[in-house]
Amino acid sequence: MRRPPELLLRFTRAERWVHRTTAALMLTCLATAACLYLPPLAELVGRRRLVVTVHVWCGLALPVPLLLGLASRALRADVTRLGRFTPADWAWLRAVRARRTGLGPAGPASFAGKFNAGQKLYAQWTLGSMLVILGTGLIMWLTHLTPPAWRTGATFVHDWLAAAIATVVAGHVWMAMRDPEARLGMRTGLVDRRWAEREHPLWRHQQHQHRHPVDDGRPVERELPGQ
């Protein structure tokens, strides 16, 4: 019989809910933006005033899940991880380049901590673009507070950045679809220990671990607080 997997806690409930609510708000913003700027969708949906209202309020709410989630110690620890580039991350990027160009046999997973360098770059870009799109959206919305030149520039940046965000989010979804175990970790919080050792070995081996039972009786390894 095949041995049941040993499960490792990767994301807490707070972290998963921050991800889900932020994703829902972002996708709603992108969908409503498409309905506002693409004529076929605008004609199909109609009710432009309602679409604008949903777009504006979802945009204003974008940073709220993260701000609330910072009450979680685990989320704060992951924010620190995502914001810090280490020598291992640079090695990961070099390994990816070597693998894609055929200049070296090294695989990138050997240098990955809890988050690899690609995930860190995506998270940093997402946070930065979220702040910029929120700022430009406020300038476009509060028309009486800024001169026309500001609103024109803000509209240009907002529109093109929205297109870039849609492209990057599509790439993020495509990458997630290629990794069922990563999706399971974001959905349930738990991943197979063997997957962690293969894809994030530095994180796996740097932990001080506990073993706790889960509902189905399989062992689960849990990070110590603050790790």
C-alpha atoms as a PDB file:
ATOM      1  CA  MET A   1       0.000   0.000   0.000  1.00  0.00           C
ATOM      2  CA  ARG A   2       1.113   3.517  -0.729  1.00  0.00           C
ATOM      3  CA  ARG A   3       2.221   5.400   2.361  1.00  0.00           C
ATOM      4  CA  PRO A   4      -0.018   8.404   3.157  1.00  0.00           C
ATOM      5  CA  PRO A   5       1.757  11.734   2.806  1.00  0.00           C
ATOM      6  CA  GLU A   6       3.177  13.564   5.786  1.00  0.00           C
ATOM      7  CA  LEU A   7       1.582  16.980   5.825  1.00  0.00           C
ATOM      8  CA  LEU A   8       3.350  20.233   6.516  1.00  0.00           C
ATOM      9  CA  LEU A   9       1.626  23.456   7.503  1.00  0.00           C
ATOM     10  CA  ARG A  10       2.422  26.065   4.871  1.00  0.00           C
ATOM     11  CA  PHE A  11      -0.272  28.720   5.301  1.00  0.00           C
ATOM     12  CA  THR A  12      -2.479  29.551   8.265  1.00  0.00           C
ATOM     13  CA  ARG A  13      -6.191  30.293   7.941  1.00  0.00           C
ATOM     14  CA  ALA A  14      -5.538  34.040   8.192  1.00  0.00           C
ATOM     15  CA  GLU A  15      -3.010  33.904   5.354  1.00  0.00           C
ATOM     16  CA  ARG A  16      -5.375  31.938   3.138  1.00  0.00           C
ATOM     17  CA  TRP A  17      -8.250  34.348   3.730  1.00  0.00           C
ATOM     18  CA  VAL A  18      -6.056  37.359   2.949  1.00  0.00           C
ATOM     19  CA  HIS A  19      -5.073  35.710  -0.329  1.00  0.00           C
ATOM     20  CA  ARG A  20      -8.647  34.775  -1.221  1.00  0.00           C
ATOM     21  CA  THR A  21     -10.230  38.130  -0.443  1.00  0.00           C
ATOM     22  CA  THR A  22      -7.460  40.090  -2.151  1.00  0.00           C
ATOM     23  CA  ALA A  23      -7.758  37.837  -5.205  1.00  0.00           C
ATOM     24  CA  ALA A  24     -11.549  38.274  -5.281  1.00  0.00           C
ATOM     25  CA  LEU A  25     -11.254  42.064  -5.062  1.00  0.00           C
ATOM     26  CA  MET A  26      -8.529  42.194  -7.716  1.00  0.00           C
ATOM     27  CA  LEU A  27     -10.441  39.975 -10.137  1.00  0.00           C
ATOM     28  CA  THR A  28     -13.595  42.042  -9.608  1.00  0.00           C
ATOM     29  CA  CYS A  29     -11.641  45.218 -10.358  1.00  0.00           C
ATOM     30  CA  LEU A  30     -10.226  43.686 -13.539  1.00  0.00           C
ATOM     31  CA  ALA A  31     -13.622  42.371 -14.648  1.00  0.00           C
ATOM     32  CA  THR A  32     -15.390  45.688 -14.064  1.00  0.00           C
ATOM     33  CA  ALA A  33     -12.535  47.560 -15.764  1.00  0.00           C
ATOM     34  CA  ALA A  34     -12.986  45.343 -18.819  1.00  0.00           C
ATOM     35  CA  CYS A  35     -16.709  46.139 -18.801  1.00  0.00           C
ATOM     36  CA  LEU A  36     -15.913  49.851 -18.713  1.00  0.00           C
ATOM     37  CA  TYR A  37     -13.244  49.946 -21.418  1.00  0.00           C
ATOM     38  CA  LEU A  38     -14.163  47.202 -23.885  1.00  0.00           C
ATOM     39  CA  PRO A  39     -17.196  48.259 -25.975  1.00  0.00           C
ATOM     40  CA  PRO A  40     -18.585  44.730 -26.600  1.00  0.00           C
ATOM     41  CA  LEU A  41     -18.569  43.986 -22.868  1.00  0.00           C
ATOM     42  CA  ALA A  42     -19.927  47.427 -22.037  1.00  0.00           C
ATOM     43  CA  GLU A  43     -22.884  46.858 -24.377  1.00  0.00           C
ATOM     44  CA  LEU A  44     -23.457  43.349 -23.049  1.00  0.00           C
ATOM     45  CA  VAL A  45     -23.411  44.310 -19.354  1.00  0.00           C
ATOM     46  CA  GLY A  46     -24.832  47.816 -19.473  1.00  0.00           C
ATOM     47  CA  ARG A  47     -25.603  49.566 -16.145  1.00  0.00           C
ATOM     48  CA  ARG A  48     -22.390  51.591 -16.359  1.00  0.00           C
ATOM     49  CA  ARG A  49     -23.077  53.533 -13.160  1.00  0.00           C
ATOM     50  CA  LEU A  50     -23.362  50.319 -11.145  1.00  0.00           C
ATOM     51  CA  VAL A  51     -20.215  48.895 -12.738  1.00  0.00           C
ATOM     52  CA  VAL A  52     -18.305  52.087 -11.881  1.00  0.00           C
ATOM     53  CA  THR A  53     -19.527  51.940  -8.279  1.00  0.00           C
ATOM     54  CA  VAL A  54     -18.466  48.307  -7.866  1.00  0.00           C
ATOM     55  CA  HIS A  55     -15.095  49.052  -9.475  1.00  0.00           C
ATOM     56  CA  VAL A  56     -14.387  52.040  -7.242  1.00  0.00           C
ATOM     57  CA  TRP A  57     -15.315  50.407  -3.956  1.00  0.00           C
ATOM     58  CA  CYS A  58     -13.517  47.154  -4.715  1.00  0.00           C
ATOM     59  CA  GLY A  59     -10.464  49.205  -5.624  1.00  0.00           C
ATOM     60  CA  LEU A  60     -10.629  51.149  -2.377  1.00  0.00           C
ATOM     61  CA  ALA A  61     -10.959  47.873  -0.465  1.00  0.00           C
ATOM     62  CA  LEU A  62      -7.911  46.238  -2.102  1.00  0.00           C
ATOM     63  CA  PRO A  63      -5.434  46.937   0.733  1.00  0.00           C
ATOM     64  CA  VAL A  64      -7.930  46.155   3.506  1.00  0.00           C
ATOM     65  CA  PRO A  65      -7.433  42.345   3.683  1.00  0.00           C
ATOM     66  CA  LEU A  66      -3.666  42.724   3.963  1.00  0.00           C
ATOM     67  CA  LEU A  67      -3.927  45.448   6.597  1.00  0.00           C
ATOM     68  CA  LEU A  68      -6.314  43.348   8.676  1.00  0.00           C
ATOM     69  CA  GLY A  69      -4.223  40.244   8.131  1.00  0.00           C
ATOM     70  CA  LEU A  70      -1.163  41.910   9.643  1.00  0.00           C
ATOM     71  CA  ALA A  71      -2.699  41.074  13.006  1.00  0.00           C
ATOM     72  CA  SER A  72      -1.568  37.503  12.221  1.00  0.00           C
ATOM     73  CA  ARG A  73       1.952  36.708  13.369  1.00  0.00           C
ATOM     74  CA  ALA A  74       2.354  34.143  10.594  1.00  0.00           C
ATOM     75  CA  LEU A  75       1.354  36.660   7.928  1.00  0.00           C
ATOM     76  CA  ARG A  76       3.798  39.243   9.275  1.00  0.00           C
ATOM     77  CA  ALA A  77       6.544  36.631   9.111  1.00  0.00           C
ATOM     78  CA  ASP A  78       5.681  35.830   5.489  1.00  0.00           C
ATOM     79  CA  VAL A  79       5.565  39.529   4.565  1.00  0.00           C
ATOM     80  CA  THR A  80       9.104  39.805   5.938  1.00  0.00           C
ATOM     81  CA  ARG A  81      10.179  36.780   3.894  1.00  0.00           C
ATOM     82  CA  LEU A  82       8.606  38.145   0.709  1.00  0.00           C
ATOM     83  CA  GLY A  83      10.239  41.542   1.137  1.00  0.00           C
ATOM     84  CA  ARG A  84      13.768  40.244   1.668  1.00  0.00           C
ATOM     85  CA  PHE A  85      16.081  39.022  -1.089  1.00  0.00           C
ATOM     86  CA  THR A  86      18.827  36.654   0.065  1.00  0.00           C
ATOM     87  CA  PRO A  87      21.891  35.168  -1.688  1.00  0.00           C
ATOM     88  CA  ALA A  88      19.834  31.990  -2.182  1.00  0.00           C
ATOM     89  CA  ASP A  89      17.273  33.989  -4.180  1.00  0.00           C
ATOM     90  CA  TRP A  90      19.949  35.342  -6.516  1.00  0.00           C
ATOM     91  CA  ALA A  91      21.238  31.777  -6.896  1.00  0.00           C
ATOM     92  CA  TRP A  92      17.688  30.658  -7.742  1.00  0.00           C
ATOM     93  CA  LEU A  93      17.427  33.294 -10.483  1.00  0.00           C
ATOM     94  CA  ARG A  94      20.824  32.328 -11.901  1.00  0.00           C
ATOM     95  CA  ALA A  95      19.777  28.675 -11.889  1.00  0.00           C
ATOM     96  CA  VAL A  96      16.545  29.478 -13.732  1.00  0.00           C
ATOM     97  CA  ARG A  97      18.505  31.398 -16.349  1.00  0.00           C
ATOM     98  CA  ALA A  98      21.039  28.590 -16.682  1.00  0.00           C
ATOM     99  CA  ARG A  99      18.303  25.996 -17.102  1.00  0.00           C
ATOM    100  CA  ARG A 100      16.439  28.018 -19.722  1.00  0.00           C
ATOM    101  CA  THR A 101      19.546  28.874 -21.731  1.00  0.00           C
ATOM    102  CA  GLY A 102      21.094  25.425 -21.396  1.00  0.00           C
ATOM    103  CA  LEU A 103      24.256  26.858 -19.820  1.00  0.00           C
ATOM    104  CA  GLY A 104      24.083  24.727 -16.706  1.00  0.00           C
ATOM    105  CA  PRO A 105      22.334  21.691 -15.233  1.00  0.00           C
ATOM    106  CA  ALA A 106      21.425  23.211 -11.878  1.00  0.00           C
ATOM    107  CA  GLY A 107      17.722  23.306 -11.011  1.00  0.00           C
ATOM    108  CA  PRO A 108      16.227  26.377  -9.311  1.00  0.00           C
ATOM    109  CA  ALA A 109      14.366  24.486  -6.580  1.00  0.00           C
ATOM    110  CA  SER A 110      17.625  23.736  -4.740  1.00  0.00           C
ATOM    111  CA  PHE A 111      17.858  27.398  -3.743  1.00  0.00           C
ATOM    112  CA  ALA A 112      14.231  28.038  -2.738  1.00  0.00           C
ATOM    113  CA  GLY A 113      13.156  28.947   0.777  1.00  0.00           C
ATOM    114  CA  LYS A 114       9.483  29.148   1.729  1.00  0.00           C
ATOM    115  CA  PHE A 115       9.072  31.458  -1.262  1.00  0.00           C
ATOM    116  CA  ASN A 116      11.311  31.301  -4.299  1.00  0.00           C
ATOM    117  CA  ALA A 117      12.695  34.423  -5.938  1.00  0.00           C
ATOM    118  CA  GLY A 118       9.985  34.449  -8.604  1.00  0.00           C
ATOM    119  CA  GLN A 119       7.250  34.434  -5.978  1.00  0.00           C
ATOM    120  CA  LYS A 120       8.992  37.235  -4.093  1.00  0.00           C
ATOM    121  CA  LEU A 121       9.245  39.372  -7.228  1.00  0.00           C
ATOM    122  CA  TYR A 122       5.581  38.754  -7.992  1.00  0.00           C
ATOM    123  CA  ALA A 123       4.504  39.707  -4.464  1.00  0.00           C
ATOM    124  CA  GLN A 124       6.631  42.858  -4.452  1.00  0.00           C
ATOM    125  CA  TRP A 125       5.393  43.901  -7.888  1.00  0.00           C
ATOM    126  CA  THR A 126       1.782  43.222  -6.897  1.00  0.00           C
ATOM    127  CA  LEU A 127       2.028  45.356  -3.760  1.00  0.00           C
ATOM    128  CA  GLY A 128       3.706  48.210  -5.614  1.00  0.00           C
ATOM    129  CA  SER A 129       1.242  48.154  -8.491  1.00  0.00           C
ATOM    130  CA  MET A 130      -1.676  47.974  -6.047  1.00  0.00           C
ATOM    131  CA  LEU A 131      -0.510  51.160  -4.338  1.00  0.00           C
ATOM    132  CA  VAL A 132       0.023  52.962  -7.655  1.00  0.00           C
ATOM    133  CA  ILE A 133      -3.333  51.919  -9.095  1.00  0.00           C
ATOM    134  CA  LEU A 134      -5.067  52.912  -5.871  1.00  0.00           C
ATOM    135  CA  GLY A 135      -3.366  56.324  -5.889  1.00  0.00           C
ATOM    136  CA  THR A 136      -4.133  57.044  -9.534  1.00  0.00           C
ATOM    137  CA  GLY A 137      -7.703  55.832  -9.055  1.00  0.00           C
ATOM    138  CA  LEU A 138      -8.188  58.276  -6.189  1.00  0.00           C
ATOM    139  CA  ILE A 139      -6.911  61.125  -8.372  1.00  0.00           C
ATOM    140  CA  MET A 140      -9.386  60.139 -11.105  1.00  0.00           C
ATOM    141  CA  TRP A 141     -12.242  59.779  -8.607  1.00  0.00           C
ATOM    142  CA  LEU A 142     -11.690  62.923  -6.520  1.00  0.00           C
ATOM    143  CA  THR A 143     -11.658  65.276  -9.482  1.00  0.00           C
ATOM    144  CA  HIS A 144     -12.110  68.427  -7.421  1.00  0.00           C
ATOM    145  CA  LEU A 145      -8.847  67.923  -5.517  1.00  0.00           C
ATOM    146  CA  THR A 146      -6.377  67.810  -8.406  1.00  0.00           C
ATOM    147  CA  PRO A 147      -5.673  69.866 -11.552  1.00  0.00           C
ATOM    148  CA  PRO A 148      -6.639  68.496 -15.000  1.00  0.00           C
ATOM    149  CA  ALA A 149      -3.040  67.672 -15.910  1.00  0.00           C
ATOM    150  CA  TRP A 150      -2.777  65.353 -12.906  1.00  0.00           C
ATOM    151  CA  ARG A 151      -6.003  63.594 -13.835  1.00  0.00           C
ATOM    152  CA  THR A 152      -4.839  63.096 -17.418  1.00  0.00           C
ATOM    153  CA  GLY A 153      -1.558  61.576 -16.278  1.00  0.00           C
ATOM    154  CA  ALA A 154      -3.280  59.461 -13.647  1.00  0.00           C
ATOM    155  CA  THR A 155      -5.743  58.121 -16.224  1.00  0.00           C
ATOM    156  CA  PHE A 156      -2.910  57.132 -18.560  1.00  0.00           C
ATOM    157  CA  VAL A 157      -0.952  55.355 -15.800  1.00  0.00           C
ATOM    158  CA  HIS A 158      -4.079  53.730 -14.359  1.00  0.00           C
ATOM    159  CA  ASP A 159      -5.246  52.295 -17.675  1.00  0.00           C
ATOM    160  CA  TRP A 160      -1.902  50.889 -18.785  1.00  0.00           C
ATOM    161  CA  LEU A 161      -1.034  49.571 -15.352  1.00  0.00           C
ATOM    162  CA  ALA A 162      -4.405  47.794 -15.227  1.00  0.00           C
ATOM    163  CA  ALA A 163      -3.526  46.066 -18.505  1.00  0.00           C
ATOM    164  CA  ALA A 164      -0.141  45.053 -17.072  1.00  0.00           C
ATOM    165  CA  ILE A 165      -1.792  43.734 -13.906  1.00  0.00           C
ATOM    166  CA  ALA A 166      -4.233  41.657 -15.955  1.00  0.00           C
ATOM    167  CA  THR A 167      -1.316  40.139 -17.873  1.00  0.00           C
ATOM    168  CA  VAL A 168       0.701  39.350 -14.744  1.00  0.00           C
ATOM    169  CA  VAL A 169      -2.319  37.918 -12.911  1.00  0.00           C
ATOM    170  CA  ALA A 170      -3.030  35.673 -15.901  1.00  0.00           C
ATOM    171  CA  GLY A 171       0.559  34.449 -15.703  1.00  0.00           C
ATOM    172  CA  HIS A 172       0.195  33.844 -11.963  1.00  0.00           C
ATOM    173  CA  VAL A 173      -2.949  31.767 -12.525  1.00  0.00           C
ATOM    174  CA  TRP A 174      -1.229  29.813 -15.305  1.00  0.00           C
ATOM    175  CA  MET A 175       1.712  28.996 -13.028  1.00  0.00           C
ATOM    176  CA  ALA A 176      -0.661  27.937 -10.234  1.00  0.00           C
ATOM    177  CA  MET A 177      -2.540  25.614 -12.588  1.00  0.00           C
ATOM    178  CA  ARG A 178       0.742  23.817 -13.293  1.00  0.00           C
ATOM    179  CA  ASP A 179       1.329  23.016  -9.607  1.00  0.00           C
ATOM    180  CA  PRO A 180      -1.586  21.171  -7.934  1.00  0.00           C
ATOM    181  CA  GLU A 181       0.289  20.819  -4.637  1.00  0.00           C
ATOM    182  CA  ALA A 182       0.840  24.571  -4.406  1.00  0.00           C
ATOM    183  CA  ARG A 183      -2.878  25.118  -5.019  1.00  0.00           C
ATOM    184  CA  LEU A 184      -3.679  22.571  -2.320  1.00  0.00           C
ATOM    185  CA  GLY A 185      -1.436  24.453   0.091  1.00  0.00           C
ATOM    186  CA  MET A 186      -3.277  27.699  -0.557  1.00  0.00           C
ATOM    187  CA  ARG A 187      -6.668  25.993  -0.333  1.00  0.00           C
ATOM    188  CA  THR A 188      -6.113  23.864   2.789  1.00  0.00           C
ATOM    189  CA  GLY A 189      -2.911  25.268   4.281  1.00  0.00           C
ATOM    190  CA  LEU A 190      -1.213  21.856   4.120  1.00  0.00           C
ATOM    191  CA  VAL A 191       1.312  20.421   1.658  1.00  0.00           C
ATOM    192  CA  ASP A 192       3.081  17.108   1.260  1.00  0.00           C
ATOM    193  CA  ARG A 193       6.459  17.073   3.025  1.00  0.00           C
ATOM    194  CA  ARG A 194       8.061  15.498  -0.040  1.00  0.00           C
ATOM    195  CA  TRP A 195       6.814  18.346  -2.228  1.00  0.00           C
ATOM    196  CA  ALA A 196       8.254  20.860   0.249  1.00  0.00           C
ATOM    197  CA  GLU A 197      11.612  19.075   0.226  1.00  0.00           C
ATOM    198  CA  ARG A 198      11.644  19.099  -3.571  1.00  0.00           C
ATOM    199  CA  GLU A 199      10.342  22.614  -4.275  1.00  0.00           C
ATOM    200  CA  HIS A 200      11.330  24.573  -1.138  1.00  0.00           C
ATOM    201  CA  PRO A 201      14.197  22.633   0.446  1.00  0.00           C
ATOM    202  CA  LEU A 202      15.771  25.535   2.330  1.00  0.00           C
ATOM    203  CA  TRP A 203      12.488  26.299   4.073  1.00  0.00           C
ATOM    204  CA  ARG A 204      11.930  22.633   4.827  1.00  0.00           C
ATOM    205  CA  HIS A 205      15.336  22.068   6.383  1.00  0.00           C
ATOM    206  CA  GLN A 206      15.500  25.345   8.344  1.00  0.00           C
ATOM    207  CA  GLN A 207      12.375  24.651  10.351  1.00  0.00           C
ATOM    208  CA  HIS A 208      12.114  23.531  13.954  1.00  0.00           C
ATOM    209  CA  GLN A 209       9.231  21.145  13.639  1.00  0.00           C
ATOM    210  CA  HIS A 210       6.385  19.721  15.682  1.00  0.00           C
ATOM    211  CA  ARG A 211       4.112  16.844  14.755  1.00  0.00           C
ATOM    212  CA  HIS A 212       0.390  17.150  15.360  1.00  0.00           C
ATOM    213  CA  PRO A 213      -2.515  14.926  14.300  1.00  0.00           C
ATOM    214  CA  VAL A 214      -4.948  16.145  11.700  1.00  0.00           C
ATOM    215  CA  ASP A 215      -8.560  15.107  11.221  1.00  0.00           C
ATOM    216  CA  ASP A 216      -7.781  12.124   8.985  1.00  0.00           C
ATOM    217  CA  GLY A 217      -5.129  10.754  11.327  1.00  0.00           C
ATOM    218  CA  ARG A 218      -2.136  11.593   9.148  1.00  0.00           C
ATOM    219  CA  PRO A 219       0.801  13.389  10.783  1.00  0.00           C
ATOM    220  CA  VAL A 220       1.243  17.078  10.089  1.00  0.00           C
ATOM    221  CA  GLU A 221       4.392  19.075  10.711  1.00  0.00           C
ATOM    222  CA  ARG A 222       3.814  22.569  11.973  1.00  0.00           C
ATOM    223  CA  GLU A 223       6.103  25.567  12.045  1.00  0.00           C
ATOM    224  CA  LEU A 224       7.014  27.045  15.371  1.00  0.00           C
ATOM    225  CA  PRO A 225       5.566  30.553  15.912  1.00  0.00           C
ATOM    226  CA  GLY A 226       7.611  33.209  14.222  1.00  0.00           C
ATOM    227  CA  GLN A 227       9.593  30.825  11.999  1.00  0.00           C
END
